[in-house]
Amino acid sequence: MKAPKRAAALVLLALAVAACDDPPPRDPAASPAPPPSASTPSATLTPRALRIPRIPAGGGCPTTAPRRWSGPGVATAVLGDGPVYPVADYFRAGTVLELRPDDRGPDGSYVKKVRWIGAGYSGPVLVRAARIDGEGTASSRFSYIGEQRHGGHYAELASPTSDLPGTTTVGGPGCYVLQVDGTTFTTTVVFRAA
């Protein structure tokens, strides 16, 4: 008779241990926990100070030289040190953002298509723009990901290789800088709009 009692006690003990592994019952009125997503920041990005070179109005614009590209994505040349680059193919002679009447918006600014390539980096990125030879506005953004944050366009790059359609907006002809910040880098690109 002791064996059946001992067996019953072992079964009850096993059920009690198994019950400890079960999650607590869910309140049906509670909202479901959000699933993890690619937009969850993989690392924290602390915006760095803008490194804006200043040049006198009418002075020469120290544009960033384009460099030949053989990395991922479709481009013959890119601008800057990366690892997130504007594609130089969208700039005349690789350094001049050509402003045409058709690019001008109702507010007087010019919106130009400029594609970006990310190579060897995944995580948060912040792109900011400014005019460096006088007064004027500038911005740059990716078309399908990101949001306005920290005075620029913030996005999470989920893959170490990214093809990023985007636009760059300038107030008019002049000399401009793009500053790109990631968790492990900061790079600047200077271009002229004409």
N, C-alpha and C. Protein backbone atom coordinates (compact mmCIF):
# COMPACT_ATOMS: atom_id res chain seq x y z
N MET A 1 0.81 -1.19 0.00
CA MET A 1 0.00 0.00 0.00
C MET A 1 0.86 1.26 0.00
N LYS A 2 2.11 1.14 0.51
CA LYS A 2 2.98 2.29 0.55
C LYS A 2 3.40 2.71 -0.86
N ALA A 3 3.60 1.74 -1.75
CA ALA A 3 4.04 2.05 -3.12
C ALA A 3 3.04 2.94 -3.85
N PRO A 4 1.70 2.65 -3.79
CA PRO A 4 0.77 3.53 -4.50
C PRO A 4 0.77 4.93 -3.90
N LYS A 5 0.90 5.07 -2.58
CA LYS A 5 0.92 6.42 -1.97
C LYS A 5 2.18 7.15 -2.41
N ARG A 6 3.30 6.42 -2.45
CA ARG A 6 4.55 7.06 -2.87
C ARG A 6 4.46 7.48 -4.33
N ALA A 7 3.88 6.66 -5.18
CA ALA A 7 3.70 6.98 -6.59
C ALA A 7 2.80 8.20 -6.76
N ALA A 8 1.72 8.23 -5.97
CA ALA A 8 0.80 9.37 -6.04
C ALA A 8 1.50 10.65 -5.60
N ALA A 9 2.33 10.55 -4.56
CA ALA A 9 3.06 11.72 -4.07
C ALA A 9 4.05 12.21 -5.12
N LEU A 10 4.73 11.28 -5.82
CA LEU A 10 5.67 11.67 -6.87
C LEU A 10 4.95 12.35 -8.04
N VAL A 11 3.77 11.84 -8.38
CA VAL A 11 3.00 12.45 -9.48
C VAL A 11 2.61 13.87 -9.09
N LEU A 12 2.14 14.07 -7.85
CA LEU A 12 1.76 15.41 -7.39
C LEU A 12 2.96 16.34 -7.37
N LEU A 13 4.11 15.83 -6.93
CA LEU A 13 5.33 16.64 -6.92
C LEU A 13 5.73 17.04 -8.34
N ALA A 14 5.65 16.11 -9.28
CA ALA A 14 5.99 16.40 -10.68
C ALA A 14 5.04 17.45 -11.26
N LEU A 15 3.76 17.35 -10.94
CA LEU A 15 2.79 18.34 -11.44
C LEU A 15 3.07 19.72 -10.84
N ALA A 16 3.45 19.77 -9.57
CA ALA A 16 3.76 21.05 -8.93
C ALA A 16 4.98 21.70 -9.56
N VAL A 17 6.03 20.90 -9.84
CA VAL A 17 7.23 21.43 -10.48
C VAL A 17 6.90 21.93 -11.88
N ALA A 18 6.12 21.17 -12.63
CA ALA A 18 5.76 21.56 -13.99
C ALA A 18 4.95 22.84 -13.97
N ALA A 19 4.09 23.02 -12.98
CA ALA A 19 3.28 24.23 -12.89
C ALA A 19 4.14 25.46 -12.67
N CYS A 20 5.29 25.30 -12.03
CA CYS A 20 6.18 26.45 -11.81
C CYS A 20 6.75 26.97 -13.11
N ASP A 21 6.88 26.12 -14.13
CA ASP A 21 7.43 26.54 -15.42
C ASP A 21 6.40 27.22 -16.30
N ASP A 22 5.12 27.06 -16.01
CA ASP A 22 4.08 27.67 -16.84
C ASP A 22 4.03 29.17 -16.57
N PRO A 23 3.79 29.99 -17.60
CA PRO A 23 3.66 31.43 -17.37
C PRO A 23 2.39 31.70 -16.58
N PRO A 24 2.34 32.84 -15.88
CA PRO A 24 1.12 33.16 -15.15
C PRO A 24 -0.04 33.36 -16.11
N PRO A 25 -1.27 33.13 -15.65
CA PRO A 25 -2.41 33.31 -16.55
C PRO A 25 -2.50 34.77 -16.98
N ARG A 26 -2.89 34.97 -18.26
CA ARG A 26 -3.00 36.32 -18.83
C ARG A 26 -4.35 36.91 -18.55
N ASP A 27 -4.35 38.21 -18.25
CA ASP A 27 -5.60 38.93 -18.09
C ASP A 27 -6.14 39.21 -19.48
N PRO A 28 -7.33 38.68 -19.84
CA PRO A 28 -7.84 38.88 -21.20
C PRO A 28 -8.10 40.35 -21.52
N ALA A 29 -8.26 41.21 -20.52
CA ALA A 29 -8.50 42.62 -20.77
C ALA A 29 -7.21 43.38 -21.07
N ALA A 30 -6.06 42.78 -20.73
CA ALA A 30 -4.78 43.45 -20.94
C ALA A 30 -4.43 43.45 -22.43
N SER A 31 -3.73 44.50 -22.87
CA SER A 31 -3.34 44.55 -24.28
C SER A 31 -2.16 43.60 -24.50
N PRO A 32 -2.06 43.03 -25.70
CA PRO A 32 -0.98 42.09 -25.96
C PRO A 32 0.36 42.80 -25.98
N ALA A 33 1.39 42.08 -25.60
CA ALA A 33 2.75 42.63 -25.64
C ALA A 33 3.15 42.82 -27.09
N PRO A 34 3.79 43.94 -27.43
CA PRO A 34 4.19 44.14 -28.82
C PRO A 34 5.28 43.16 -29.20
N PRO A 35 5.19 42.62 -30.43
CA PRO A 35 6.24 41.71 -30.87
C PRO A 35 7.52 42.49 -31.13
N PRO A 36 8.69 41.86 -30.97
CA PRO A 36 9.92 42.57 -31.31
C PRO A 36 9.93 42.88 -32.79
N SER A 37 10.48 44.02 -33.16
CA SER A 37 10.49 44.40 -34.57
C SER A 37 11.85 44.97 -34.93
N ALA A 38 12.04 45.14 -36.24
CA ALA A 38 13.30 45.69 -36.73
C ALA A 38 13.46 47.15 -36.34
N SER A 39 12.34 47.84 -35.99
CA SER A 39 12.45 49.24 -35.64
C SER A 39 12.87 49.44 -34.19
N THR A 40 12.94 48.36 -33.41
CA THR A 40 13.44 48.48 -32.05
C THR A 40 14.92 48.82 -32.13
N PRO A 41 15.34 49.93 -31.49
CA PRO A 41 16.75 50.31 -31.62
C PRO A 41 17.69 49.22 -31.14
N SER A 42 18.68 48.91 -31.97
CA SER A 42 19.67 47.91 -31.60
C SER A 42 20.73 48.53 -30.70
N ALA A 43 20.87 49.83 -30.77
CA ALA A 43 21.82 50.55 -29.94
C ALA A 43 21.33 51.98 -29.81
N THR A 44 21.81 52.67 -28.83
CA THR A 44 21.39 54.05 -28.62
C THR A 44 22.29 54.97 -29.43
N LEU A 45 21.67 55.91 -30.13
CA LEU A 45 22.42 56.89 -30.91
C LEU A 45 22.32 58.23 -30.20
N THR A 46 23.44 58.71 -29.75
CA THR A 46 23.50 60.04 -29.15
C THR A 46 23.95 61.00 -30.24
N PRO A 47 23.09 61.96 -30.63
CA PRO A 47 23.49 62.88 -31.71
C PRO A 47 24.74 63.65 -31.33
N ARG A 48 25.66 63.72 -32.26
CA ARG A 48 26.88 64.48 -32.06
C ARG A 48 26.66 65.93 -32.52
N ALA A 49 27.49 66.83 -32.06
CA ALA A 49 27.39 68.22 -32.49
C ALA A 49 27.60 68.28 -34.00
N LEU A 50 26.85 69.17 -34.65
CA LEU A 50 27.04 69.36 -36.09
C LEU A 50 28.41 69.98 -36.34
N ARG A 51 29.16 69.38 -37.24
CA ARG A 51 30.47 69.92 -37.64
C ARG A 51 30.27 70.66 -38.95
N ILE A 52 29.88 71.91 -38.84
CA ILE A 52 29.56 72.69 -40.03
C ILE A 52 30.71 73.64 -40.34
N PRO A 53 31.44 73.37 -41.41
CA PRO A 53 32.47 74.34 -41.80
C PRO A 53 31.79 75.61 -42.29
N ARG A 54 32.34 76.74 -42.00
CA ARG A 54 31.78 78.01 -42.48
C ARG A 54 32.72 78.60 -43.51
N ILE A 55 32.14 79.03 -44.62
CA ILE A 55 32.93 79.70 -45.65
C ILE A 55 32.24 81.02 -45.98
N PRO A 56 32.99 82.01 -46.42
CA PRO A 56 32.37 83.29 -46.74
C PRO A 56 31.48 83.17 -47.98
N ALA A 57 30.43 83.98 -48.00
CA ALA A 57 29.55 84.02 -49.17
C ALA A 57 30.37 84.34 -50.41
N GLY A 58 30.14 83.61 -51.46
CA GLY A 58 30.87 83.81 -52.71
C GLY A 58 32.24 83.15 -52.73
N GLY A 59 32.65 82.55 -51.60
CA GLY A 59 33.94 81.84 -51.56
C GLY A 59 33.81 80.50 -52.25
N GLY A 60 34.90 79.82 -52.42
CA GLY A 60 34.87 78.50 -53.03
C GLY A 60 34.21 77.48 -52.12
N CYS A 61 33.54 76.53 -52.70
CA CYS A 61 32.86 75.48 -51.93
C CYS A 61 33.77 74.25 -51.90
N PRO A 62 34.25 73.84 -50.71
CA PRO A 62 35.19 72.71 -50.61
C PRO A 62 34.48 71.36 -50.72
N THR A 63 34.00 71.06 -51.93
CA THR A 63 33.20 69.85 -52.12
C THR A 63 33.99 68.58 -51.84
N THR A 64 33.26 67.56 -51.42
CA THR A 64 33.83 66.24 -51.17
C THR A 64 34.02 65.54 -52.51
N ALA A 65 35.20 65.05 -52.77
CA ALA A 65 35.48 64.37 -54.05
C ALA A 65 34.76 63.03 -54.09
N PRO A 66 34.14 62.72 -55.23
CA PRO A 66 33.52 61.40 -55.35
C PRO A 66 34.58 60.31 -55.41
N ARG A 67 34.21 59.11 -54.92
CA ARG A 67 35.13 57.98 -55.03
C ARG A 67 34.44 56.83 -55.74
N ARG A 68 35.23 56.15 -56.56
CA ARG A 68 34.68 55.01 -57.32
C ARG A 68 34.10 53.99 -56.36
N TRP A 69 33.01 53.35 -56.78
CA TRP A 69 32.30 52.42 -55.91
C TRP A 69 32.27 51.03 -56.55
N SER A 70 32.68 50.04 -55.76
CA SER A 70 32.58 48.65 -56.21
C SER A 70 31.90 47.79 -55.15
N GLY A 71 31.32 48.45 -54.16
CA GLY A 71 30.64 47.73 -53.08
C GLY A 71 29.23 47.32 -53.47
N PRO A 72 28.40 46.98 -52.46
CA PRO A 72 27.03 46.55 -52.75
C PRO A 72 26.19 47.71 -53.30
N GLY A 73 25.13 47.37 -54.00
CA GLY A 73 24.25 48.38 -54.56
C GLY A 73 24.72 48.81 -55.94
N VAL A 74 23.88 49.61 -56.58
CA VAL A 74 24.19 50.07 -57.94
C VAL A 74 24.65 51.52 -57.87
N ALA A 75 25.92 51.74 -58.12
CA ALA A 75 26.49 53.09 -58.15
C ALA A 75 27.87 53.01 -58.80
N THR A 76 28.23 54.09 -59.51
CA THR A 76 29.60 54.15 -60.03
C THR A 76 30.50 54.91 -59.08
N ALA A 77 29.90 55.81 -58.26
CA ALA A 77 30.69 56.60 -57.29
C ALA A 77 29.81 56.98 -56.11
N VAL A 78 30.44 57.21 -54.96
CA VAL A 78 29.76 57.65 -53.74
C VAL A 78 30.52 58.84 -53.18
N LEU A 79 29.90 59.50 -52.19
CA LEU A 79 30.52 60.65 -51.52
C LEU A 79 30.75 60.32 -50.06
N GLY A 80 31.91 60.68 -49.54
CA GLY A 80 32.19 60.54 -48.12
C GLY A 80 32.93 59.28 -47.75
N ASP A 81 33.15 59.16 -46.43
CA ASP A 81 33.91 58.04 -45.89
C ASP A 81 33.03 56.88 -45.42
N GLY A 82 31.72 57.06 -45.44
CA GLY A 82 30.79 55.99 -45.08
C GLY A 82 30.82 55.65 -43.61
N PRO A 83 30.19 54.56 -43.28
CA PRO A 83 29.70 53.48 -44.12
C PRO A 83 28.31 53.69 -44.72
N VAL A 84 27.73 54.90 -44.55
CA VAL A 84 26.46 55.25 -45.20
C VAL A 84 26.77 56.42 -46.12
N TYR A 85 26.53 56.22 -47.44
CA TYR A 85 27.01 57.16 -48.46
C TYR A 85 25.87 57.68 -49.33
N PRO A 86 25.88 59.00 -49.68
CA PRO A 86 25.02 59.44 -50.78
C PRO A 86 25.68 59.00 -52.09
N VAL A 87 24.86 58.59 -53.03
CA VAL A 87 25.38 58.13 -54.32
C VAL A 87 25.73 59.35 -55.17
N ALA A 88 26.99 59.46 -55.58
CA ALA A 88 27.48 60.62 -56.33
C ALA A 88 26.87 60.70 -57.72
N ASP A 89 26.32 59.60 -58.23
CA ASP A 89 25.72 59.60 -59.57
C ASP A 89 24.55 60.58 -59.68
N TYR A 90 23.97 61.01 -58.55
CA TYR A 90 22.84 61.94 -58.56
C TYR A 90 23.31 63.40 -58.56
N PHE A 91 24.63 63.62 -58.57
CA PHE A 91 25.22 64.95 -58.57
C PHE A 91 25.98 65.15 -59.88
N ARG A 92 25.81 66.30 -60.53
CA ARG A 92 26.56 66.59 -61.76
C ARG A 92 28.04 66.65 -61.41
N ALA A 93 28.86 65.99 -62.17
CA ALA A 93 30.30 65.89 -61.93
C ALA A 93 30.59 65.33 -60.54
N GLY A 94 29.62 64.65 -59.94
CA GLY A 94 29.80 63.99 -58.66
C GLY A 94 29.70 64.90 -57.45
N THR A 95 29.62 66.23 -57.65
CA THR A 95 29.63 67.15 -56.50
C THR A 95 28.59 68.25 -56.56
N VAL A 96 27.89 68.41 -57.69
CA VAL A 96 26.95 69.52 -57.85
C VAL A 96 25.52 68.99 -57.96
N LEU A 97 24.68 69.38 -57.01
CA LEU A 97 23.27 69.04 -57.06
C LEU A 97 22.61 70.03 -58.01
N GLU A 98 22.21 69.55 -59.19
CA GLU A 98 21.71 70.42 -60.24
C GLU A 98 20.26 70.81 -59.95
N LEU A 99 20.01 72.12 -59.83
CA LEU A 99 18.67 72.63 -59.53
C LEU A 99 17.99 73.04 -60.83
N ARG A 100 16.83 72.44 -61.09
CA ARG A 100 16.05 72.77 -62.28
C ARG A 100 14.72 73.38 -61.87
N PRO A 101 14.10 74.16 -62.72
CA PRO A 101 12.81 74.75 -62.36
C PRO A 101 11.77 73.70 -61.93
N ASP A 102 11.81 72.51 -62.55
CA ASP A 102 10.85 71.46 -62.20
C ASP A 102 11.04 70.92 -60.78
N ASP A 103 12.22 71.13 -60.20
CA ASP A 103 12.51 70.64 -58.84
C ASP A 103 12.03 71.60 -57.76
N ARG A 104 11.59 72.79 -58.17
CA ARG A 104 11.24 73.84 -57.19
C ARG A 104 9.82 73.65 -56.68
N GLY A 105 9.69 73.68 -55.35
CA GLY A 105 8.39 73.53 -54.71
C GLY A 105 7.72 74.87 -54.50
N PRO A 106 6.46 74.85 -54.03
CA PRO A 106 5.72 76.09 -53.80
C PRO A 106 6.40 77.02 -52.79
N ASP A 107 7.17 76.45 -51.86
CA ASP A 107 7.85 77.28 -50.85
C ASP A 107 9.18 77.84 -51.37
N GLY A 108 9.55 77.51 -52.61
CA GLY A 108 10.79 78.02 -53.19
C GLY A 108 11.98 77.09 -53.04
N SER A 109 11.85 76.05 -52.23
CA SER A 109 12.97 75.12 -52.06
C SER A 109 12.99 74.10 -53.19
N TYR A 110 14.14 73.47 -53.36
CA TYR A 110 14.33 72.48 -54.41
C TYR A 110 14.45 71.09 -53.78
N VAL A 111 13.68 70.14 -54.30
CA VAL A 111 13.71 68.77 -53.80
C VAL A 111 14.30 67.89 -54.90
N LYS A 112 15.40 67.21 -54.56
CA LYS A 112 16.10 66.38 -55.53
C LYS A 112 16.18 64.94 -55.04
N LYS A 113 16.04 64.00 -55.96
CA LYS A 113 16.22 62.59 -55.62
C LYS A 113 17.71 62.33 -55.42
N VAL A 114 18.04 61.75 -54.27
CA VAL A 114 19.42 61.33 -53.98
C VAL A 114 19.33 59.99 -53.26
N ARG A 115 19.87 58.95 -53.87
CA ARG A 115 19.87 57.61 -53.26
C ARG A 115 21.09 57.45 -52.36
N TRP A 116 20.95 56.62 -51.34
CA TRP A 116 22.02 56.33 -50.39
C TRP A 116 22.32 54.84 -50.40
N ILE A 117 23.55 54.51 -50.03
CA ILE A 117 23.96 53.11 -49.89
C ILE A 117 24.57 52.95 -48.51
N GLY A 118 24.15 51.92 -47.81
CA GLY A 118 24.77 51.54 -46.54
C GLY A 118 25.58 50.27 -46.78
N ALA A 119 26.82 50.26 -46.34
CA ALA A 119 27.69 49.10 -46.55
C ALA A 119 28.51 48.83 -45.30
N GLY A 120 28.22 47.73 -44.63
CA GLY A 120 29.00 47.35 -43.46
C GLY A 120 28.50 47.94 -42.16
N TYR A 121 27.26 48.43 -42.13
CA TYR A 121 26.74 49.02 -40.90
C TYR A 121 25.25 48.72 -40.79
N SER A 122 24.82 48.29 -39.62
CA SER A 122 23.39 48.21 -39.31
C SER A 122 23.20 48.87 -37.96
N GLY A 123 22.07 49.50 -37.79
CA GLY A 123 21.78 50.21 -36.55
C GLY A 123 21.22 51.59 -36.84
N PRO A 124 21.15 52.44 -35.82
CA PRO A 124 20.57 53.77 -36.00
C PRO A 124 21.50 54.70 -36.78
N VAL A 125 20.89 55.56 -37.58
CA VAL A 125 21.65 56.54 -38.35
C VAL A 125 20.85 57.85 -38.35
N LEU A 126 21.57 58.97 -38.28
CA LEU A 126 20.96 60.30 -38.30
C LEU A 126 21.63 61.11 -39.39
N VAL A 127 20.84 61.67 -40.31
CA VAL A 127 21.36 62.49 -41.41
C VAL A 127 20.84 63.92 -41.20
N ARG A 128 21.77 64.87 -41.11
CA ARG A 128 21.40 66.28 -40.99
C ARG A 128 22.09 67.07 -42.09
N ALA A 129 21.49 68.21 -42.48
CA ALA A 129 22.03 69.02 -43.57
C ALA A 129 21.98 70.49 -43.17
N ALA A 130 22.88 71.28 -43.75
CA ALA A 130 22.91 72.72 -43.49
C ALA A 130 23.62 73.42 -44.64
N ARG A 131 23.27 74.68 -44.82
CA ARG A 131 24.00 75.52 -45.78
C ARG A 131 25.19 76.11 -45.06
N ILE A 132 26.35 76.17 -45.72
CA ILE A 132 27.56 76.63 -45.04
C ILE A 132 28.14 77.94 -45.59
N ASP A 133 27.53 78.50 -46.63
CA ASP A 133 28.06 79.74 -47.18
C ASP A 133 27.08 80.90 -47.04
N GLY A 134 26.14 80.78 -46.15
CA GLY A 134 25.15 81.84 -45.95
C GLY A 134 23.89 81.28 -45.32
N GLU A 135 22.85 82.10 -45.36
CA GLU A 135 21.56 81.68 -44.80
C GLU A 135 20.86 80.76 -45.79
N GLY A 136 20.09 79.85 -45.27
CA GLY A 136 19.33 78.94 -46.13
C GLY A 136 19.03 77.64 -45.42
N THR A 137 18.07 76.94 -45.93
CA THR A 137 17.65 75.68 -45.31
C THR A 137 18.13 74.50 -46.13
N ALA A 138 18.21 73.35 -45.47
CA ALA A 138 18.59 72.12 -46.15
C ALA A 138 18.13 70.95 -45.30
N SER A 139 17.83 69.84 -45.96
CA SER A 139 17.48 68.60 -45.27
C SER A 139 17.72 67.44 -46.22
N SER A 140 17.81 66.26 -45.63
CA SER A 140 17.95 65.04 -46.42
C SER A 140 17.20 63.95 -45.69
N ARG A 141 16.55 63.06 -46.45
CA ARG A 141 15.76 62.00 -45.81
C ARG A 141 15.73 60.77 -46.70
N PHE A 142 15.51 59.62 -46.05
CA PHE A 142 15.27 58.37 -46.77
C PHE A 142 13.79 58.30 -47.06
N SER A 143 13.41 57.73 -48.20
CA SER A 143 12.01 57.76 -48.62
C SER A 143 11.10 56.80 -47.87
N TYR A 144 11.55 55.62 -47.51
CA TYR A 144 10.63 54.61 -47.00
C TYR A 144 10.85 54.22 -45.55
N ILE A 145 11.90 54.71 -44.93
CA ILE A 145 12.12 54.39 -43.52
C ILE A 145 12.54 55.65 -42.78
N GLY A 146 12.28 55.68 -41.49
CA GLY A 146 12.76 56.75 -40.66
C GLY A 146 11.74 57.82 -40.37
N GLU A 147 12.22 58.80 -39.60
CA GLU A 147 11.36 59.89 -39.14
C GLU A 147 12.22 61.10 -38.80
N GLN A 148 11.56 62.25 -38.67
CA GLN A 148 12.25 63.46 -38.23
C GLN A 148 12.57 63.32 -36.75
N ARG A 149 13.83 63.52 -36.39
CA ARG A 149 14.26 63.43 -35.00
C ARG A 149 15.63 64.09 -34.86
N HIS A 150 15.89 64.72 -33.74
CA HIS A 150 17.20 65.32 -33.43
C HIS A 150 17.65 66.33 -34.50
N GLY A 151 16.70 67.03 -35.11
CA GLY A 151 17.07 68.03 -36.11
C GLY A 151 17.46 67.47 -37.45
N GLY A 152 17.13 66.22 -37.71
CA GLY A 152 17.46 65.59 -38.99
C GLY A 152 16.55 64.42 -39.27
N HIS A 153 17.03 63.51 -40.11
CA HIS A 153 16.26 62.31 -40.45
C HIS A 153 16.93 61.11 -39.77
N TYR A 154 16.17 60.43 -38.93
CA TYR A 154 16.66 59.30 -38.13
C TYR A 154 16.03 58.01 -38.68
N ALA A 155 16.85 56.98 -38.83
CA ALA A 155 16.34 55.69 -39.30
C ALA A 155 17.14 54.57 -38.67
N GLU A 156 16.54 53.39 -38.64
CA GLU A 156 17.20 52.17 -38.18
C GLU A 156 17.51 51.33 -39.42
N LEU A 157 18.78 51.07 -39.68
CA LEU A 157 19.16 50.22 -40.80
C LEU A 157 19.25 48.79 -40.27
N ALA A 158 18.37 47.93 -40.77
CA ALA A 158 18.26 46.57 -40.26
C ALA A 158 19.30 45.62 -40.85
N SER A 159 19.89 46.00 -41.97
CA SER A 159 20.84 45.12 -42.65
C SER A 159 22.17 45.85 -42.85
N PRO A 160 23.29 45.13 -42.83
CA PRO A 160 24.58 45.80 -43.08
C PRO A 160 24.75 46.28 -44.52
N THR A 161 23.88 45.86 -45.42
CA THR A 161 23.88 46.40 -46.78
C THR A 161 22.49 46.96 -47.05
N SER A 162 22.42 48.25 -47.37
CA SER A 162 21.14 48.93 -47.56
C SER A 162 21.15 49.76 -48.83
N ASP A 163 20.06 49.72 -49.57
CA ASP A 163 19.82 50.58 -50.72
C ASP A 163 18.70 51.50 -50.28
N LEU A 164 18.98 52.80 -50.17
CA LEU A 164 18.06 53.73 -49.52
C LEU A 164 17.67 54.87 -50.46
N PRO A 165 16.55 54.73 -51.19
CA PRO A 165 16.07 55.86 -51.96
C PRO A 165 15.81 57.03 -51.02
N GLY A 166 16.02 58.25 -51.50
CA GLY A 166 15.81 59.40 -50.64
C GLY A 166 15.75 60.69 -51.42
N THR A 167 15.60 61.78 -50.69
CA THR A 167 15.59 63.11 -51.28
C THR A 167 16.46 64.05 -50.46
N THR A 168 17.01 65.04 -51.13
CA THR A 168 17.74 66.11 -50.48
C THR A 168 17.07 67.41 -50.90
N THR A 169 16.78 68.26 -49.93
CA THR A 169 16.08 69.52 -50.17
C THR A 169 17.01 70.67 -49.79
N VAL A 170 17.13 71.65 -50.69
CA VAL A 170 17.94 72.83 -50.42
C VAL A 170 17.12 74.08 -50.72
N GLY A 171 17.47 75.18 -50.07
CA GLY A 171 16.74 76.43 -50.25
C GLY A 171 17.06 77.14 -51.56
N GLY A 172 18.19 76.80 -52.18
CA GLY A 172 18.58 77.45 -53.41
C GLY A 172 20.05 77.19 -53.68
N PRO A 173 20.61 77.86 -54.68
CA PRO A 173 22.03 77.67 -54.98
C PRO A 173 22.90 78.02 -53.78
N GLY A 174 23.98 77.27 -53.61
CA GLY A 174 24.90 77.52 -52.51
C GLY A 174 25.74 76.31 -52.19
N CYS A 175 26.44 76.38 -51.05
CA CYS A 175 27.32 75.31 -50.60
C CYS A 175 26.69 74.68 -49.36
N TYR A 176 26.62 73.35 -49.33
CA TYR A 176 25.89 72.63 -48.28
C TYR A 176 26.73 71.49 -47.72
N VAL A 177 26.39 71.07 -46.50
CA VAL A 177 27.03 69.93 -45.87
C VAL A 177 25.97 68.95 -45.41
N LEU A 178 26.28 67.67 -45.53
CA LEU A 178 25.49 66.58 -44.95
C LEU A 178 26.35 65.97 -43.86
N GLN A 179 25.79 65.78 -42.67
CA GLN A 179 26.50 65.06 -41.62
C GLN A 179 25.71 63.80 -41.31
N VAL A 180 26.41 62.68 -41.35
CA VAL A 180 25.79 61.37 -41.11
C VAL A 180 26.42 60.79 -39.85
N ASP A 181 25.58 60.50 -38.85
CA ASP A 181 26.04 59.92 -37.59
C ASP A 181 25.45 58.54 -37.41
N GLY A 182 26.29 57.61 -36.95
CA GLY A 182 25.86 56.28 -36.52
C GLY A 182 26.44 56.03 -35.15
N THR A 183 26.25 54.87 -34.61
CA THR A 183 26.78 54.59 -33.28
C THR A 183 28.31 54.48 -33.29
N THR A 184 28.89 54.17 -34.46
CA THR A 184 30.33 53.94 -34.53
C THR A 184 31.05 54.90 -35.47
N PHE A 185 30.34 55.89 -36.03
CA PHE A 185 30.98 56.78 -37.00
C PHE A 185 30.26 58.12 -37.08
N THR A 186 30.97 59.10 -37.59
CA THR A 186 30.42 60.39 -38.04
C THR A 186 31.18 60.75 -39.30
N THR A 187 30.46 61.15 -40.33
CA THR A 187 31.11 61.56 -41.57
C THR A 187 30.38 62.76 -42.14
N THR A 188 31.09 63.62 -42.84
CA THR A 188 30.48 64.78 -43.48
C THR A 188 30.76 64.76 -44.98
N VAL A 189 29.82 65.32 -45.72
CA VAL A 189 29.91 65.41 -47.18
C VAL A 189 29.54 66.85 -47.55
N VAL A 190 30.40 67.52 -48.30
CA VAL A 190 30.13 68.89 -48.76
C VAL A 190 29.82 68.84 -50.25
N PHE A 191 28.73 69.51 -50.65
CA PHE A 191 28.36 69.56 -52.05
C PHE A 191 27.86 70.95 -52.39
N ARG A 192 27.82 71.24 -53.66
CA ARG A 192 27.33 72.52 -54.14
C ARG A 192 25.99 72.31 -54.82
N ALA A 193 25.08 73.25 -54.67
CA ALA A 193 23.80 73.23 -55.39
C ALA A 193 23.83 74.41 -56.36
N ALA A 194 23.52 74.14 -57.62
CA ALA A 194 23.56 75.21 -58.63
C ALA A 194 22.52 74.96 -59.71
